[in-house]
Amino acid sequence: MRTNLMSNIKNCFLVFCASLLVARSCRGSKHVALFIFGDSLYDAGNNKYIEDAPIFSDFWPYGETFFKHPTGRPCDGRLIPDFIAEYANLPLIPPYLQPGNNQFMEGENIESKGDRVLAENLQGMVISSEIQEHVQSSNHQFVNGVNFASSGAGALVETHQGWVINLSTQLSYFKNMKRQLGLQLGEAEAQKLLSTAVYMFSIGGNDYFEALTPMHSLLQFYSREEYVGLVIGNITTVIQEIYKIGGRKFGLSTLIALGCLPSLRAVKQEQTGVSGCLDEATMFAKLHNRALSKALEELERQLEGFRYSNFDAYIAGGERINNPSKYGFKEVREACCGNGPYRSSTTCGQKGYQLCENASEYFFFDSAHPTESANNQF
């Protein structure tokens, strides 16, 4: 019975996102765009175009399974948005900062590894003049969407400030893209494209990782519930801004049990000498997930035509971690790539790292990111 429930949860999210993308094509419309916002779970490689970015995955063995070379995705292969695009018969959605991609015919990926963006938007961030010209060019075409996601990004500006593309800046990029669309297509056609597009979000985990650091300042002034409220408030603000621009269809995801990531299992073992998940981190995920669900229900009541799916990654991830063999996994605690306890150190691809023989047997590829096999199941 539990397995059927998990299958239904997964299928509902997949069917919702994919069906929204293909529905207009079935009615004869030519383009349905996919716009992607968030952190490393959705980042298709924006950070590799940021000079001296401390968070990126543009080296071997990242990309080994599917692409056979690193793409900037923090995974051995494809991410969830890649599978959504594939199931909707779209090409992979390229990152916003990728130069030379003037034709984003099916979607664009705005996630970025670390909050580094245009110099005009982020103080201290360095990107090349080539990338700035690429992003600002009115000839850049986005008629099929974009990926704005960035590894290390959070909903709060303070999270990894100065070296990732935070959610607010991702929204700024989206608004810049909207202006370019109006010039390319005309305002009426651009508005039609934006109103039929699907907007995917995966964000929040990095805000809570930051909160767990000993020197994090915001928790000196806010309770945990208030801090979660700040994160959710920023997410809903961005959703509302996109709604004002014309967006109506949104796909979101809850957080998995953060304390069960290999990196935080290692923290638990170091701090207590006991193995297991770090409960404090998982508590943040539970608070976040409850608050996100309530916020989305409220938006649905307030905003006419607002449609959403909120994939329960917490339940889906927990089911696989607790019952790995049911889902084809042999290892769900230790990462495939890295070093140290649980291969939890951020050394994947660097000197002295260890690499498993078959990533598909692992739930985690590195200290914090799922394998392609896990992403496909999600």
Protein backbone atom coordinates (compact mmCIF):
# COMPACT_ATOMS: atom_id res chain seq x y z
CA MET A 1 0.00 0.00 0.00
CA ARG A 2 2.88 2.35 0.91
CA THR A 3 4.66 1.62 -2.37
CA ASN A 4 1.52 2.47 -4.33
CA LEU A 5 1.25 5.75 -2.44
CA MET A 6 4.84 6.64 -3.30
CA SER A 7 4.28 5.78 -6.95
CA ASN A 8 1.19 7.97 -7.04
CA ILE A 9 3.03 10.91 -5.46
CA LYS A 10 5.80 10.69 -8.02
CA ASN A 11 3.43 10.26 -10.94
CA CYS A 12 1.23 13.18 -9.86
CA PHE A 13 4.21 15.56 -9.90
CA LEU A 14 5.55 14.24 -13.19
CA VAL A 15 2.16 14.18 -14.90
CA PHE A 16 1.32 17.68 -13.68
CA CYS A 17 4.54 19.27 -14.94
CA ALA A 18 4.80 17.30 -18.17
CA SER A 19 1.11 17.64 -19.04
CA LEU A 20 1.19 21.39 -18.57
CA LEU A 21 4.11 21.56 -20.96
CA VAL A 22 2.59 19.41 -23.70
CA ALA A 23 -1.07 20.43 -23.46
CA ARG A 24 -0.78 23.46 -25.68
CA SER A 25 1.19 21.51 -28.26
CA CYS A 26 -1.74 19.09 -28.47
CA ARG A 27 -3.98 22.04 -29.21
CA GLY A 28 -1.69 23.20 -31.99
CA SER A 29 0.36 25.82 -30.18
CA LYS A 30 4.04 25.83 -31.08
CA HIS A 31 5.83 26.75 -27.86
CA VAL A 32 5.37 25.95 -24.18
CA ALA A 33 8.27 27.27 -22.11
CA LEU A 34 9.82 25.87 -18.95
CA PHE A 35 11.43 28.30 -16.49
CA ILE A 36 13.53 26.85 -13.68
CA PHE A 37 14.53 28.57 -10.43
CA GLY A 38 16.45 27.32 -7.44
CA ASP A 39 19.66 25.82 -6.13
CA SER A 40 22.04 22.99 -6.98
CA LEU A 41 19.28 20.39 -7.20
CA TYR A 42 18.11 22.11 -10.41
CA ASP A 43 21.30 23.90 -11.53
CA ALA A 44 22.28 22.99 -15.09
CA GLY A 45 25.60 24.83 -14.96
CA ASN A 46 25.21 28.56 -14.40
CA ASN A 47 28.04 28.73 -11.85
CA LYS A 48 30.70 27.51 -14.22
CA TYR A 49 30.33 30.80 -16.08
CA ILE A 50 31.09 32.85 -12.95
CA GLU A 51 34.75 33.66 -12.47
CA ASP A 52 36.30 32.05 -9.38
CA ALA A 53 32.97 30.62 -8.23
CA PRO A 54 33.67 28.50 -5.12
CA ILE A 55 30.68 26.23 -5.77
CA PHE A 56 30.60 24.47 -9.11
CA SER A 57 30.76 20.96 -10.55
CA ASP A 58 32.49 21.47 -13.86
CA PHE A 59 35.02 18.65 -13.51
CA TRP A 60 35.19 14.87 -13.63
CA PRO A 61 33.51 12.63 -12.44
CA TYR A 62 30.44 14.90 -12.48
CA GLY A 63 28.45 14.05 -15.60
CA GLU A 64 30.03 10.61 -15.99
CA THR A 65 26.83 8.57 -16.31
CA PHE A 66 24.80 10.27 -19.03
CA PHE A 67 26.77 13.12 -20.57
CA LYS A 68 30.18 11.40 -20.31
CA HIS A 69 31.68 14.78 -19.44
CA PRO A 70 31.07 17.45 -16.75
CA THR A 71 28.31 19.96 -17.52
CA GLY A 72 28.19 21.95 -14.30
CA ARG A 73 25.38 19.80 -12.89
CA PRO A 74 26.23 18.53 -9.35
CA CYS A 75 25.33 14.98 -10.31
CA ASP A 76 26.65 12.02 -12.24
CA GLY A 77 24.02 12.73 -14.90
CA ARG A 78 20.64 14.39 -15.31
CA LEU A 79 18.62 16.43 -12.83
CA ILE A 80 14.88 16.44 -12.19
CA PRO A 81 14.17 19.30 -14.67
CA ASP A 82 16.09 17.36 -17.34
CA PHE A 83 13.74 14.40 -16.91
CA ILE A 84 10.66 16.64 -16.85
CA ALA A 85 11.79 18.22 -20.13
CA GLU A 86 12.53 14.79 -21.61
CA TYR A 87 9.14 13.37 -20.66
CA ALA A 88 7.50 16.44 -22.20
CA ASN A 89 9.46 15.91 -25.45
CA LEU A 90 11.58 19.01 -24.91
CA PRO A 91 15.35 19.32 -25.24
CA LEU A 92 17.44 19.85 -22.10
CA ILE A 93 16.94 23.36 -20.75
CA PRO A 94 20.24 25.28 -20.88
CA PRO A 95 21.52 27.63 -18.16
CA TYR A 96 20.85 31.35 -18.44
CA LEU A 97 24.54 32.35 -18.35
CA GLN A 98 25.64 29.88 -21.01
CA PRO A 99 27.19 31.84 -23.90
CA GLY A 100 26.51 30.91 -27.50
CA ASN A 101 23.03 29.54 -26.81
CA ASN A 102 20.98 32.18 -28.56
CA GLN A 103 18.09 29.81 -29.22
CA PHE A 104 16.39 28.62 -26.02
CA MET A 105 13.57 27.02 -27.93
CA GLU A 106 12.12 24.85 -25.19
CA GLY A 107 13.09 26.27 -21.83
CA GLU A 108 15.73 28.04 -19.84
CA ASN A 109 17.42 27.14 -16.58
CA ILE A 110 18.10 29.99 -14.15
CA GLU A 111 19.51 27.98 -11.25
CA SER A 112 23.12 28.74 -10.41
CA LYS A 113 25.72 27.21 -8.13
CA GLY A 114 26.31 30.04 -5.75
CA ASP A 115 24.73 33.46 -5.90
CA ARG A 116 26.87 35.19 -8.49
CA VAL A 117 25.12 37.20 -11.11
CA LEU A 118 25.40 40.30 -13.20
CA ALA A 119 27.77 42.87 -11.75
CA GLU A 120 24.89 45.36 -11.78
CA ASN A 121 22.87 43.07 -9.50
CA LEU A 122 25.40 41.62 -7.06
CA GLN A 123 28.18 43.54 -5.40
CA GLY A 124 31.51 41.77 -5.52
CA MET A 125 30.45 39.21 -8.09
CA VAL A 126 32.72 38.77 -11.07
CA ILE A 127 31.53 37.53 -14.42
CA SER A 128 33.28 37.99 -17.71
CA SER A 129 32.43 40.75 -20.17
CA GLU A 130 31.51 38.00 -22.64
CA ILE A 131 28.84 36.65 -20.29
CA GLN A 132 27.54 40.13 -19.46
CA GLU A 133 27.16 40.88 -23.17
CA HIS A 134 25.45 37.52 -23.67
CA VAL A 135 22.93 38.13 -20.89
CA GLN A 136 22.21 41.76 -21.79
CA SER A 137 21.95 41.22 -25.54
CA SER A 138 18.52 41.93 -26.98
CA ASN A 139 19.25 39.21 -29.57
CA HIS A 140 19.26 36.49 -26.94
CA GLN A 141 16.16 34.34 -27.48
CA PHE A 142 14.24 32.73 -24.66
CA VAL A 143 11.05 31.61 -26.35
CA ASN A 144 11.22 28.11 -24.89
CA GLY A 145 12.34 28.96 -21.37
CA VAL A 146 15.47 29.28 -19.24
CA ASN A 147 17.21 27.70 -16.24
CA PHE A 148 18.18 30.35 -13.68
CA ALA A 149 19.10 27.97 -10.83
CA SER A 150 22.38 28.36 -8.96
CA SER A 151 24.24 25.93 -6.73
CA GLY A 152 24.52 27.38 -3.25
CA ALA A 153 21.63 29.77 -3.79
CA GLY A 154 19.05 30.46 -1.13
CA ALA A 155 15.77 32.27 -0.79
CA LEU A 156 17.50 34.69 1.58
CA VAL A 157 19.95 37.23 0.17
CA GLU A 158 22.27 36.56 3.12
CA THR A 159 22.78 32.91 2.15
CA HIS A 160 26.24 32.60 0.55
CA GLN A 161 25.94 36.30 -0.23
CA GLY A 162 28.19 37.54 -3.00
CA TRP A 163 29.05 34.23 -4.62
CA VAL A 164 25.76 32.69 -5.73
CA ILE A 165 22.73 33.80 -7.74
CA ASN A 166 20.14 34.17 -5.00
CA LEU A 167 16.44 33.79 -5.67
CA SER A 168 15.83 37.53 -5.83
CA THR A 169 18.52 37.91 -8.49
CA GLN A 170 17.12 34.96 -10.42
CA LEU A 171 13.84 36.89 -10.52
CA SER A 172 15.73 39.95 -11.79
CA TYR A 173 17.20 37.86 -14.59
CA PHE A 174 13.73 36.57 -15.41
CA LYS A 175 12.40 40.13 -15.65
CA ASN A 176 15.30 41.07 -17.91
CA MET A 177 14.44 38.09 -20.11
CA LYS A 178 10.79 39.20 -20.21
CA ARG A 179 11.83 42.59 -21.60
CA GLN A 180 13.88 40.89 -24.29
CA LEU A 181 10.97 38.62 -25.17
CA GLY A 182 8.75 41.66 -25.66
CA LEU A 183 11.26 43.11 -28.10
CA GLN A 184 11.61 39.84 -30.00
CA LEU A 185 8.01 38.67 -30.15
CA GLY A 186 5.95 41.74 -29.42
CA GLU A 187 4.23 42.28 -26.08
CA ALA A 188 1.12 40.27 -26.92
CA GLU A 189 3.00 37.15 -28.01
CA ALA A 190 5.45 37.43 -25.13
CA GLN A 191 2.58 37.63 -22.65
CA LYS A 192 0.93 34.58 -24.20
CA LEU A 193 4.16 32.61 -23.86
CA LEU A 194 4.64 33.57 -20.20
CA SER A 195 1.03 32.82 -19.28
CA THR A 196 1.23 29.26 -20.64
CA ALA A 197 4.71 28.46 -19.30
CA VAL A 198 5.51 26.19 -16.36
CA TYR A 199 7.65 27.58 -13.50
CA MET A 200 9.65 25.08 -11.43
CA PHE A 201 11.22 25.82 -8.03
CA SER A 202 13.61 23.98 -5.71
CA ILE A 203 15.01 26.29 -3.02
CA GLY A 204 15.51 26.58 0.73
CA GLY A 205 18.00 23.90 1.75
CA ASN A 206 21.01 26.23 1.66
CA ASP A 207 19.24 28.74 3.90
CA TYR A 208 19.00 26.07 6.61
CA PHE A 209 22.55 24.80 6.09
CA GLU A 210 23.65 28.37 6.76
CA ALA A 211 21.45 28.57 9.85
CA LEU A 212 23.24 25.53 11.30
CA THR A 213 26.67 27.19 11.16
CA PRO A 214 27.89 28.41 14.58
CA MET A 215 28.33 32.04 13.51
CA HIS A 216 25.03 32.47 11.67
CA SER A 217 23.68 35.85 12.75
CA LEU A 218 19.98 35.71 11.85
CA LEU A 219 19.17 33.02 14.41
CA GLN A 220 20.38 35.42 17.09
CA PHE A 221 17.33 37.55 16.32
CA TYR A 222 14.70 35.05 15.11
CA SER A 223 13.26 31.82 16.39
CA ARG A 224 13.49 28.80 14.07
CA GLU A 225 9.84 29.25 13.09
CA GLU A 226 10.39 32.93 12.34
CA TYR A 227 13.49 32.12 10.30
CA VAL A 228 11.53 29.58 8.25
CA GLY A 229 8.89 32.27 7.79
CA LEU A 230 11.49 34.55 6.23
CA VAL A 231 12.51 31.84 3.77
CA ILE A 232 8.93 31.00 2.80
CA GLY A 233 8.06 34.69 2.58
CA ASN A 234 10.80 35.27 0.01
CA ILE A 235 9.69 32.27 -2.03
CA THR A 236 6.06 33.38 -2.10
CA THR A 237 7.09 36.94 -2.98
CA VAL A 238 8.90 35.67 -6.09
CA ILE A 239 5.93 33.47 -7.04
CA GLN A 240 3.61 36.47 -6.68
CA GLU A 241 5.90 38.59 -8.85
CA ILE A 242 5.87 35.93 -11.56
CA TYR A 243 2.08 35.70 -11.24
CA LYS A 244 1.82 39.48 -11.78
CA ILE A 245 3.86 39.07 -14.95
CA GLY A 246 1.50 36.35 -16.17
CA GLY A 247 2.71 33.03 -14.75
CA ARG A 248 -0.05 30.65 -13.66
CA LYS A 249 1.43 27.12 -13.49
CA PHE A 250 3.99 26.29 -10.79
CA GLY A 251 5.79 23.11 -9.80
CA LEU A 252 7.50 23.08 -6.40
CA SER A 253 9.17 20.55 -4.15
CA THR A 254 9.45 20.07 -0.41
CA LEU A 255 12.86 19.49 1.17
CA ILE A 256 14.14 16.00 1.87
CA ALA A 257 15.25 15.11 5.41
CA LEU A 258 18.30 17.39 5.37
CA GLY A 259 19.89 15.69 8.34
CA CYS A 260 20.22 12.47 6.34
CA LEU A 261 22.57 13.95 3.75
CA PRO A 262 26.02 12.31 3.93
CA SER A 263 27.58 15.65 4.92
CA LEU A 264 25.27 16.04 7.91
CA ARG A 265 25.46 12.38 8.92
CA ALA A 266 29.18 13.03 9.27
CA VAL A 267 28.51 16.11 11.40
CA LYS A 268 26.27 14.05 13.69
CA GLN A 269 28.95 11.37 14.06
CA GLU A 270 31.67 13.94 14.74
CA GLN A 271 29.60 15.81 17.32
CA THR A 272 28.09 12.86 19.18
CA GLY A 273 30.05 9.77 18.20
CA VAL A 274 26.74 8.22 17.17
CA SER A 275 25.70 7.38 13.61
CA GLY A 276 22.42 8.56 12.14
CA CYS A 277 20.74 11.66 10.75
CA LEU A 278 21.28 15.13 12.23
CA ASP A 279 17.90 15.83 13.82
CA GLU A 280 18.30 19.62 14.00
CA ALA A 281 18.68 19.87 10.23
CA THR A 282 15.73 17.59 9.57
CA MET A 283 13.63 19.69 11.96
CA PHE A 284 14.21 22.71 9.70
CA ALA A 285 13.07 20.66 6.70
CA LYS A 286 9.85 19.64 8.50
CA LEU A 287 9.09 23.24 9.50
CA HIS A 288 9.82 24.44 5.97
CA ASN A 289 7.63 21.81 4.33
CA ARG A 290 4.64 22.53 6.53
CA ALA A 291 4.97 26.28 6.00
CA LEU A 292 5.39 25.88 2.24
CA SER A 293 2.25 23.77 1.94
CA LYS A 294 0.22 26.34 3.87
CA ALA A 295 1.64 29.22 1.82
CA LEU A 296 0.75 27.52 -1.47
CA GLU A 297 -2.77 26.78 -0.28
CA GLU A 298 -3.14 30.45 0.62
CA LEU A 299 -1.83 31.58 -2.78
CA GLU A 300 -4.32 29.26 -4.46
CA ARG A 301 -7.14 30.94 -2.52
CA GLN A 302 -5.90 34.46 -3.25
CA LEU A 303 -4.73 34.27 -6.87
CA GLU A 304 -7.25 33.53 -9.60
CA GLY A 305 -6.05 30.85 -12.03
CA PHE A 306 -3.05 29.90 -9.87
CA ARG A 307 -2.22 26.21 -10.29
CA TYR A 308 0.51 24.29 -8.52
CA SER A 309 1.96 20.89 -7.67
CA ASN A 310 4.08 20.46 -4.54
CA PHE A 311 6.09 17.25 -4.86
CA ASP A 312 6.70 15.64 -1.45
CA ALA A 313 10.42 14.95 -1.70
CA TYR A 314 10.54 14.43 2.08
CA ILE A 315 8.32 11.35 1.88
CA ALA A 316 9.79 10.11 -1.40
CA GLY A 317 13.37 10.46 -0.16
CA GLY A 318 12.58 8.92 3.21
CA GLU A 319 10.90 5.93 1.60
CA ARG A 320 14.03 5.21 -0.43
CA ILE A 321 16.44 5.77 2.45
CA ASN A 322 14.42 3.46 4.71
CA ASN A 323 13.65 0.83 2.04
CA PRO A 324 16.52 1.06 -0.47
CA SER A 325 16.20 -2.38 -2.03
CA LYS A 326 12.59 -1.67 -3.08
CA TYR A 327 13.90 1.06 -5.35
CA GLY A 328 17.06 -0.59 -6.63
CA PHE A 329 19.56 1.09 -4.28
CA LYS A 330 22.31 -0.69 -2.39
CA GLU A 331 23.72 2.35 -0.56
CA VAL A 332 21.69 5.30 0.77
CA ARG A 333 23.90 6.65 3.55
CA GLU A 334 27.30 6.94 1.96
CA ALA A 335 27.90 9.05 -1.16
CA CYS A 336 29.24 7.57 -4.37
CA CYS A 337 31.95 10.23 -4.68
CA GLY A 338 34.00 11.99 -2.01
CA ASN A 339 36.19 11.18 0.97
CA GLY A 340 36.02 10.73 4.71
CA PRO A 341 33.10 9.36 6.74
CA TYR A 342 30.16 8.64 4.44
CA ARG A 343 32.31 10.14 1.66
CA SER A 344 30.86 13.35 3.03
CA SER A 345 33.68 15.78 2.37
CA THR A 346 33.30 18.15 -0.59
CA THR A 347 36.25 16.57 -2.37
CA CYS A 348 34.51 14.74 -5.21
CA GLY A 349 36.76 15.07 -8.25
CA GLN A 350 39.63 16.48 -6.23
CA LYS A 351 42.85 14.99 -4.96
CA GLY A 352 42.35 11.84 -2.92
CA TYR A 353 38.66 11.35 -3.67
CA GLN A 354 37.01 7.94 -3.84
CA LEU A 355 34.47 6.93 -6.48
CA CYS A 356 32.01 4.05 -6.45
CA GLU A 357 31.86 1.63 -9.36
CA ASN A 358 28.15 2.01 -10.12
CA ALA A 359 26.49 5.31 -9.26
CA SER A 360 23.02 3.93 -10.04
CA GLU A 361 23.24 1.78 -6.91
CA TYR A 362 23.68 4.89 -4.74
CA PHE A 363 21.06 7.40 -3.66
CA PHE A 364 23.62 10.22 -3.18
CA PHE A 365 26.32 11.02 -5.71
CA ASP A 366 28.29 13.42 -3.51
CA SER A 367 27.93 14.86 -0.02
CA ALA A 368 24.59 16.57 -0.69
CA HIS A 369 23.20 15.69 -4.13
CA PRO A 370 21.22 12.72 -5.46
CA THR A 371 22.41 10.50 -8.28
CA GLU A 372 20.80 10.53 -11.71
CA SER A 373 19.04 7.31 -10.72
CA ALA A 374 17.42 9.01 -7.72
CA ASN A 375 16.53 12.10 -9.77
CA ASN A 376 14.86 9.92 -12.37
CA GLN A 377 12.73 8.23 -9.71
CA PHE A 378 11.82 11.65 -8.27
